[in-house]
Amino acid sequence: MNTKLTLTVEKRIIVKAKHYAKKTGRSLSELIENYLQSLVEEKGSAGKMSPKLKRITGAVKLPKDFNEAEELRSILEKKHL
């Protein structure tokens, strides 16, 4: 169930965030929800992500069982074999 939330944020941040959301084809609500979700997730799964993957958290929806190391290995094998 969705619930309305009122936030107080600097206007310049809101303008930039709305621009970013539009550019990436998402809503500002979705960006904020994804960010909040990443904060409250278990540290075990979030702690295993590389810094690059953490930066795009929310931009790409990955399955819960996503294994970054296995995916990277698979891509490199395809590229070099």
PDB file of N, CA and C in Angstrom:
ATOM      1  N   MET A   1       0.844  -1.167   0.000  1.00  0.00           N
ATOM      2  CA  MET A   1       0.000   0.000   0.000  1.00  0.00           C
ATOM      3  C   MET A   1       0.898   1.243   0.000  1.00  0.00           C
ATOM      4  N   ASN A   2       0.625   2.148  -0.904  1.00  0.00           N
ATOM      5  CA  ASN A   2       1.380   3.391  -0.963  1.00  0.00           C
ATOM      6  C   ASN A   2       0.808   4.393   0.024  1.00  0.00           C
ATOM      7  N   THR A   3       1.689   5.193   0.613  1.00  0.00           N
ATOM      8  CA  THR A   3       1.296   6.225   1.553  1.00  0.00           C
ATOM      9  C   THR A   3       1.964   7.525   1.150  1.00  0.00           C
ATOM     10  N   LYS A   4       1.220   8.610   1.225  1.00  0.00           N
ATOM     11  CA  LYS A   4       1.770   9.917   0.882  1.00  0.00           C
ATOM     12  C   LYS A   4       2.761  10.360   1.955  1.00  0.00           C
ATOM     13  N   LEU A   5       3.865  10.970   1.510  1.00  0.00           N
ATOM     14  CA  LEU A   5       4.910  11.445   2.405  1.00  0.00           C
ATOM     15  C   LEU A   5       5.257  12.874   2.012  1.00  0.00           C
ATOM     16  N   THR A   6       5.331  13.760   2.980  1.00  0.00           N
ATOM     17  CA  THR A   6       5.717  15.147   2.723  1.00  0.00           C
ATOM     18  C   THR A   6       7.144  15.343   3.219  1.00  0.00           C
ATOM     19  N   LEU A   7       7.986  15.881   2.336  1.00  0.00           N
ATOM     20  CA  LEU A   7       9.389  16.123   2.679  1.00  0.00           C
ATOM     21  C   LEU A   7       9.720  17.599   2.494  1.00  0.00           C
ATOM     22  N   THR A   8      10.688  18.076   3.225  1.00  0.00           N
ATOM     23  CA  THR A   8      11.207  19.423   3.031  1.00  0.00           C
ATOM     24  C   THR A   8      12.630  19.282   2.499  1.00  0.00           C
ATOM     25  N   VAL A   9      12.812  19.765   1.264  1.00  0.00           N
ATOM     26  CA  VAL A   9      14.098  19.611   0.579  1.00  0.00           C
ATOM     27  C   VAL A   9      14.406  20.940  -0.111  1.00  0.00           C
ATOM     28  N   GLU A  10      15.693  21.285  -0.174  1.00  0.00           N
ATOM     29  CA  GLU A  10      16.090  22.516  -0.860  1.00  0.00           C
ATOM     30  C   GLU A  10      15.585  22.511  -2.299  1.00  0.00           C
ATOM     31  N   LYS A  11      15.085  23.656  -2.742  1.00  0.00           N
ATOM     32  CA  LYS A  11      14.491  23.769  -4.070  1.00  0.00           C
ATOM     33  C   LYS A  11      15.459  23.339  -5.176  1.00  0.00           C
ATOM     34  N   ARG A  12      16.722  23.746  -5.069  1.00  0.00           N
ATOM     35  CA  ARG A  12      17.689  23.403  -6.131  1.00  0.00           C
ATOM     36  C   ARG A  12      17.883  21.893  -6.235  1.00  0.00           C
ATOM     37  N   ILE A  13      17.795  21.187  -5.122  1.00  0.00           N
ATOM     38  CA  ILE A  13      17.921  19.733  -5.131  1.00  0.00           C
ATOM     39  C   ILE A  13      16.704  19.103  -5.804  1.00  0.00           C
ATOM     40  N   ILE A  14      15.528  19.636  -5.499  1.00  0.00           N
ATOM     41  CA  ILE A  14      14.294  19.121  -6.110  1.00  0.00           C
ATOM     42  C   ILE A  14      14.340  19.297  -7.625  1.00  0.00           C
ATOM     43  N   VAL A  15      14.761  20.475  -8.069  1.00  0.00           N
ATOM     44  CA  VAL A  15      14.836  20.748  -9.511  1.00  0.00           C
ATOM     45  C   VAL A  15      15.790  19.771 -10.184  1.00  0.00           C
ATOM     46  N   LYS A  16      16.967  19.593  -9.606  1.00  0.00           N
ATOM     47  CA  LYS A  16      17.944  18.658 -10.182  1.00  0.00           C
ATOM     48  C   LYS A  16      17.432  17.226 -10.145  1.00  0.00           C
ATOM     49  N   ALA A  17      16.794  16.838  -9.042  1.00  0.00           N
ATOM     50  CA  ALA A  17      16.290  15.470  -8.906  1.00  0.00           C
ATOM     51  C   ALA A  17      15.172  15.201  -9.910  1.00  0.00           C
ATOM     52  N   LYS A  18      14.287  16.164 -10.121  1.00  0.00           N
ATOM     53  CA  LYS A  18      13.209  15.994 -11.108  1.00  0.00           C
ATOM     54  C   LYS A  18      13.782  15.863 -12.508  1.00  0.00           C
ATOM     55  N   HIS A  19      14.792  16.667 -12.805  1.00  0.00           N
ATOM     56  CA  HIS A  19      15.456  16.578 -14.115  1.00  0.00           C
ATOM     57  C   HIS A  19      16.085  15.195 -14.299  1.00  0.00           C
ATOM     58  N   TYR A  20      16.775  14.726 -13.270  1.00  0.00           N
ATOM     59  CA  TYR A  20      17.405  13.403 -13.333  1.00  0.00           C
ATOM     60  C   TYR A  20      16.347  12.310 -13.507  1.00  0.00           C
ATOM     61  N   ALA A  21      15.266  12.400 -12.757  1.00  0.00           N
ATOM     62  CA  ALA A  21      14.202  11.397 -12.842  1.00  0.00           C
ATOM     63  C   ALA A  21      13.618  11.363 -14.254  1.00  0.00           C
ATOM     64  N   LYS A  22      13.352  12.528 -14.819  1.00  0.00           N
ATOM     65  CA  LYS A  22      12.792  12.596 -16.177  1.00  0.00           C
ATOM     66  C   LYS A  22      13.767  12.021 -17.192  1.00  0.00           C
ATOM     67  N   LYS A  23      15.036  12.383 -17.032  1.00  0.00           N
ATOM     68  CA  LYS A  23      16.072  11.913 -17.957  1.00  0.00           C
ATOM     69  C   LYS A  23      16.203  10.390 -17.930  1.00  0.00           C
ATOM     70  N   THR A  24      15.981   9.789 -16.770  1.00  0.00           N
ATOM     71  CA  THR A  24      16.126   8.336 -16.635  1.00  0.00           C
ATOM     72  C   THR A  24      14.794   7.593 -16.754  1.00  0.00           C
ATOM     73  N   GLY A  25      13.717   8.335 -17.048  1.00  0.00           N
ATOM     74  CA  GLY A  25      12.429   7.698 -17.280  1.00  0.00           C
ATOM     75  C   GLY A  25      11.756   7.167 -16.020  1.00  0.00           C
ATOM     76  N   ARG A  26      12.043   7.786 -14.898  1.00  0.00           N
ATOM     77  CA  ARG A  26      11.437   7.351 -13.638  1.00  0.00           C
ATOM     78  C   ARG A  26      10.800   8.544 -12.948  1.00  0.00           C
ATOM     79  N   SER A  27      10.001   8.261 -11.951  1.00  0.00           N
ATOM     80  CA  SER A  27       9.393   9.340 -11.171  1.00  0.00           C
ATOM     81  C   SER A  27      10.291   9.675  -9.985  1.00  0.00           C
ATOM     82  N   LEU A  28      10.116  10.865  -9.470  1.00  0.00           N
ATOM     83  CA  LEU A  28      10.867  11.276  -8.288  1.00  0.00           C
ATOM     84  C   LEU A  28      10.500  10.380  -7.106  1.00  0.00           C
ATOM     85  N   SER A  29       9.233  10.013  -7.010  1.00  0.00           N
ATOM     86  CA  SER A  29       8.797   9.102  -5.945  1.00  0.00           C
ATOM     87  C   SER A  29       9.530   7.763  -6.031  1.00  0.00           C
ATOM     88  N   GLU A  30       9.689   7.253  -7.250  1.00  0.00           N
ATOM     89  CA  GLU A  30      10.396   5.977  -7.430  1.00  0.00           C
ATOM     90  C   GLU A  30      11.857   6.088  -7.006  1.00  0.00           C
ATOM     91  N   LEU A  31      12.504   7.190  -7.371  1.00  0.00           N
ATOM     92  CA  LEU A  31      13.900   7.382  -6.973  1.00  0.00           C
ATOM     93  C   LEU A  31      14.039   7.402  -5.456  1.00  0.00           C
ATOM     94  N   ILE A  32      13.166   8.145  -4.806  1.00  0.00           N
ATOM     95  CA  ILE A  32      13.238   8.259  -3.352  1.00  0.00           C
ATOM     96  C   ILE A  32      12.917   6.929  -2.687  1.00  0.00           C
ATOM     97  N   GLU A  33      11.893   6.238  -3.190  1.00  0.00           N
ATOM     98  CA  GLU A  33      11.551   4.934  -2.617  1.00  0.00           C
ATOM     99  C   GLU A  33      12.705   3.945  -2.761  1.00  0.00           C
ATOM    100  N   ASN A  34      13.328   3.911  -3.934  1.00  0.00           N
ATOM    101  CA  ASN A  34      14.461   3.001  -4.145  1.00  0.00           C
ATOM    102  C   ASN A  34      15.625   3.338  -3.221  1.00  0.00           C
ATOM    103  N   TYR A  35      15.874   4.629  -3.034  1.00  0.00           N
ATOM    104  CA  TYR A  35      16.959   5.035  -2.142  1.00  0.00           C
ATOM    105  C   TYR A  35      16.660   4.607  -0.706  1.00  0.00           C
ATOM    106  N   LEU A  36      15.450   4.881  -0.253  1.00  0.00           N
ATOM    107  CA  LEU A  36      15.082   4.491   1.109  1.00  0.00           C
ATOM    108  C   LEU A  36      15.141   2.979   1.286  1.00  0.00           C
ATOM    109  N   GLN A  37      14.712   2.242   0.262  1.00  0.00           N
ATOM    110  CA  GLN A  37      14.776   0.777   0.321  1.00  0.00           C
ATOM    111  C   GLN A  37      16.221   0.309   0.445  1.00  0.00           C
ATOM    112  N   SER A  38      17.129   0.945  -0.292  1.00  0.00           N
ATOM    113  CA  SER A  38      18.538   0.540  -0.214  1.00  0.00           C
ATOM    114  C   SER A  38      19.118   0.814   1.177  1.00  0.00           C
ATOM    115  N   LEU A  39      18.599   1.819   1.862  1.00  0.00           N
ATOM    116  CA  LEU A  39      19.078   2.125   3.213  1.00  0.00           C
ATOM    117  C   LEU A  39      18.635   1.090   4.238  1.00  0.00           C
ATOM    118  N   VAL A  40      17.435   0.566   4.065  1.00  0.00           N
ATOM    119  CA  VAL A  40      16.878  -0.325   5.084  1.00  0.00           C
ATOM    120  C   VAL A  40      17.071  -1.807   4.778  1.00  0.00           C
ATOM    121  N   GLU A  41      17.618  -2.142   3.595  1.00  0.00           N
ATOM    122  CA  GLU A  41      17.877  -3.541   3.261  1.00  0.00           C
ATOM    123  C   GLU A  41      18.929  -4.108   4.193  1.00  0.00           C
ATOM    124  N   GLU A  42      18.935  -5.422   4.278  1.00  0.00           N
ATOM    125  CA  GLU A  42      19.939  -6.091   5.100  1.00  0.00           C
ATOM    126  C   GLU A  42      21.329  -5.730   4.615  1.00  0.00           C
ATOM    127  N   LYS A  43      22.226  -5.473   5.538  1.00  0.00           N
ATOM    128  CA  LYS A  43      23.593  -5.088   5.186  1.00  0.00           C
ATOM    129  C   LYS A  43      24.330  -6.210   4.472  1.00  0.00           C
ATOM    130  N   GLY A  44      23.958  -7.451   4.706  1.00  0.00           N
ATOM    131  CA  GLY A  44      24.638  -8.575   4.070  1.00  0.00           C
ATOM    132  C   GLY A  44      24.607  -8.493   2.567  1.00  0.00           C
ATOM    133  N   SER A  45      23.445  -8.190   2.000  1.00  0.00           N
ATOM    134  CA  SER A  45      23.351  -8.139   0.541  1.00  0.00           C
ATOM    135  C   SER A  45      23.921  -6.832   0.000  1.00  0.00           C
ATOM    136  N   ALA A  46      23.664  -5.718   0.665  1.00  0.00           N
ATOM    137  CA  ALA A  46      24.165  -4.429   0.179  1.00  0.00           C
ATOM    138  C   ALA A  46      25.674  -4.323   0.367  1.00  0.00           C
ATOM    139  N   GLY A  47      26.214  -4.917   1.409  1.00  0.00           N
ATOM    140  CA  GLY A  47      27.637  -4.828   1.688  1.00  0.00           C
ATOM    141  C   GLY A  47      28.491  -5.563   0.674  1.00  0.00           C
ATOM    142  N   LYS A  48      27.907  -6.495  -0.064  1.00  0.00           N
ATOM    143  CA  LYS A  48      28.651  -7.274  -1.038  1.00  0.00           C
ATOM    144  C   LYS A  48      28.702  -6.593  -2.403  1.00  0.00           C
ATOM    145  N   MET A  49      28.007  -5.477  -2.569  1.00  0.00           N
ATOM    146  CA  MET A  49      28.000  -4.785  -3.853  1.00  0.00           C
ATOM    147  C   MET A  49      29.260  -3.943  -4.003  1.00  0.00           C
ATOM    148  N   SER A  50      29.720  -3.874  -5.232  1.00  0.00           N
ATOM    149  CA  SER A  50      30.867  -3.017  -5.510  1.00  0.00           C
ATOM    150  C   SER A  50      30.412  -1.556  -5.463  1.00  0.00           C
ATOM    151  N   PRO A  51      31.349  -0.629  -5.296  1.00  0.00           N
ATOM    152  CA  PRO A  51      30.977   0.786  -5.281  1.00  0.00           C
ATOM    153  C   PRO A  51      30.282   1.225  -6.571  1.00  0.00           C
ATOM    154  N   LYS A  52      30.699   0.682  -7.706  1.00  0.00           N
ATOM    155  CA  LYS A  52      30.055   1.041  -8.975  1.00  0.00           C
ATOM    156  C   LYS A  52      28.600   0.603  -8.985  1.00  0.00           C
ATOM    157  N   LEU A  53      28.335  -0.600  -8.509  1.00  0.00           N
ATOM    158  CA  LEU A  53      26.977  -1.106  -8.473  1.00  0.00           C
ATOM    159  C   LEU A  53      26.138  -0.324  -7.476  1.00  0.00           C
ATOM    160  N   LYS A  54      26.725   0.056  -6.359  1.00  0.00           N
ATOM    161  CA  LYS A  54      25.994   0.846  -5.360  1.00  0.00           C
ATOM    162  C   LYS A  54      25.559   2.185  -5.926  1.00  0.00           C
ATOM    163  N   ARG A  55      26.407   2.792  -6.789  1.00  0.00           N
ATOM    164  CA  ARG A  55      26.075   4.099  -7.357  1.00  0.00           C
ATOM    165  C   ARG A  55      24.827   4.041  -8.227  1.00  0.00           C
ATOM    166  N   ILE A  56      24.590   2.920  -8.897  1.00  0.00           N
ATOM    167  CA  ILE A  56      23.429   2.839  -9.772  1.00  0.00           C
ATOM    168  C   ILE A  56      22.250   2.133  -9.130  1.00  0.00           C
ATOM    169  N   THR A  57      22.350   1.826  -7.846  1.00  0.00           N
ATOM    170  CA  THR A  57      21.238   1.202  -7.157  1.00  0.00           C
ATOM    171  C   THR A  57      20.016   2.075  -7.322  1.00  0.00           C
ATOM    172  N   GLY A  58      18.938   1.460  -7.782  1.00  0.00           N
ATOM    173  CA  GLY A  58      17.715   2.204  -8.045  1.00  0.00           C
ATOM    174  C   GLY A  58      17.567   2.543  -9.505  1.00  0.00           C
ATOM    175  N   ALA A  59      18.675   2.707 -10.209  1.00  0.00           N
ATOM    176  CA  ALA A  59      18.611   2.981 -11.630  1.00  0.00           C
ATOM    177  C   ALA A  59      18.330   1.704 -12.404  1.00  0.00           C
ATOM    178  N   VAL A  60      18.794   0.610 -11.901  1.00  0.00           N
ATOM    179  CA  VAL A  60      18.596  -0.683 -12.532  1.00  0.00           C
ATOM    180  C   VAL A  60      17.971  -1.609 -11.498  1.00  0.00           C
ATOM    181  N   LYS A  61      16.914  -2.283 -11.888  1.00  0.00           N
ATOM    182  CA  LYS A  61      16.280  -3.222 -10.967  1.00  0.00           C
ATOM    183  C   LYS A  61      16.891  -4.602 -11.179  1.00  0.00           C
ATOM    184  N   LEU A  62      17.609  -5.081 -10.190  1.00  0.00           N
ATOM    185  CA  LEU A  62      18.258  -6.382 -10.247  1.00  0.00           C
ATOM    186  C   LEU A  62      17.443  -7.394  -9.458  1.00  0.00           C
ATOM    187  N   PRO A  63      17.485  -8.662  -9.866  1.00  0.00           N
ATOM    188  CA  PRO A  63      16.792  -9.682  -9.081  1.00  0.00           C
ATOM    189  C   PRO A  63      17.438  -9.832  -7.708  1.00  0.00           C
ATOM    190  N   LYS A  64      16.653 -10.291  -6.745  1.00  0.00           N
ATOM    191  CA  LYS A  64      17.153 -10.448  -5.363  1.00  0.00           C
ATOM    192  C   LYS A  64      18.366 -11.382  -5.308  1.00  0.00           C
ATOM    193  N   ASP A  65      18.405 -12.399  -6.196  1.00  0.00           N
ATOM    194  CA  ASP A  65      19.495 -13.372  -6.160  1.00  0.00           C
ATOM    195  C   ASP A  65      20.653 -13.002  -7.096  1.00  0.00           C
ATOM    196  N   PHE A  66      20.736 -11.732  -7.521  1.00  0.00           N
ATOM    197  CA  PHE A  66      21.790 -11.291  -8.424  1.00  0.00           C
ATOM    198  C   PHE A  66      23.155 -11.481  -7.781  1.00  0.00           C
ATOM    199  N   ASN A  67      24.063 -12.106  -8.534  1.00  0.00           N
ATOM    200  CA  ASN A  67      25.412 -12.358  -8.044  1.00  0.00           C
ATOM    201  C   ASN A  67      26.371 -11.578  -8.949  1.00  0.00           C
ATOM    202  N   GLU A  68      26.855 -10.464  -8.452  1.00  0.00           N
ATOM    203  CA  GLU A  68      27.697  -9.590  -9.268  1.00  0.00           C
ATOM    204  C   GLU A  68      28.953 -10.293  -9.773  1.00  0.00           C
ATOM    205  N   ALA A  69      29.620 -11.031  -8.912  1.00  0.00           N
ATOM    206  CA  ALA A  69      30.859 -11.711  -9.298  1.00  0.00           C
ATOM    207  C   ALA A  69      30.589 -12.749 -10.386  1.00  0.00           C
ATOM    208  N   GLU A  70      29.518 -13.510 -10.235  1.00  0.00           N
ATOM    209  CA  GLU A  70      29.174 -14.535 -11.228  1.00  0.00           C
ATOM    210  C   GLU A  70      28.811 -13.891 -12.567  1.00  0.00           C
ATOM    211  N   GLU A  71      28.079 -12.819 -12.526  1.00  0.00           N
ATOM    212  CA  GLU A  71      27.687 -12.123 -13.753  1.00  0.00           C
ATOM    213  C   GLU A  71      28.910 -11.553 -14.469  1.00  0.00           C
ATOM    214  N   LEU A  72      29.820 -10.955 -13.718  1.00  0.00           N
ATOM    215  CA  LEU A  72      31.040 -10.412 -14.306  1.00  0.00           C
ATOM    216  C   LEU A  72      31.879 -11.523 -14.932  1.00  0.00           C
ATOM    217  N   ARG A  73      32.018 -12.643 -14.224  1.00  0.00           N
ATOM    218  CA  ARG A  73      32.775 -13.782 -14.757  1.00  0.00           C
ATOM    219  C   ARG A  73      32.161 -14.261 -16.068  1.00  0.00           C
ATOM    220  N   SER A  74      30.850 -14.370 -16.104  1.00  0.00           N
ATOM    221  CA  SER A  74      30.155 -14.836 -17.297  1.00  0.00           C
ATOM    222  C   SER A  74      30.369 -13.886 -18.486  1.00  0.00           C
ATOM    223  N   ILE A  75      30.295 -12.611 -18.224  1.00  0.00           N
ATOM    224  CA  ILE A  75      30.498 -11.619 -19.291  1.00  0.00           C
ATOM    225  C   ILE A  75      31.925 -11.679 -19.821  1.00  0.00           C
ATOM    226  N   LEU A  76      32.901 -11.771 -18.909  1.00  0.00           N
ATOM    227  CA  LEU A  76      34.294 -11.845 -19.331  1.00  0.00           C
ATOM    228  C   LEU A  76      34.591 -13.131 -20.116  1.00  0.00           C
ATOM    229  N   GLU A  77      33.978 -14.237 -19.710  1.00  0.00           N
ATOM    230  CA  GLU A  77      34.159 -15.487 -20.449  1.00  0.00           C
ATOM    231  C   GLU A  77      33.631 -15.352 -21.870  1.00  0.00           C
ATOM    232  N   LYS A  78      32.457 -14.771 -22.020  1.00  0.00           N
ATOM    233  CA  LYS A  78      31.868 -14.590 -23.355  1.00  0.00           C
ATOM    234  C   LYS A  78      32.734 -13.667 -24.207  1.00  0.00           C
ATOM    235  N   LYS A  79      33.282 -12.653 -23.574  1.00  0.00           N
ATOM    236  CA  LYS A  79      34.089 -11.675 -24.301  1.00  0.00           C
ATOM    237  C   LYS A  79      35.415 -12.269 -24.770  1.00  0.00           C
ATOM    238  N   HIS A  80      36.028 -13.104 -23.925  1.00  0.00           N
ATOM    239  CA  HIS A  80      37.384 -13.571 -24.220  1.00  0.00           C
ATOM    240  C   HIS A  80      37.470 -14.992 -24.725  1.00  0.00           C
ATOM    241  N   LEU A  81      36.361 -15.679 -24.801  1.00  0.00           N
ATOM    242  CA  LEU A  81      36.401 -17.052 -25.309  1.00  0.00           C
ATOM    243  C   LEU A  81      35.772 -17.187 -26.655  1.00  0.00           C
TER     244      LEU A  81
END
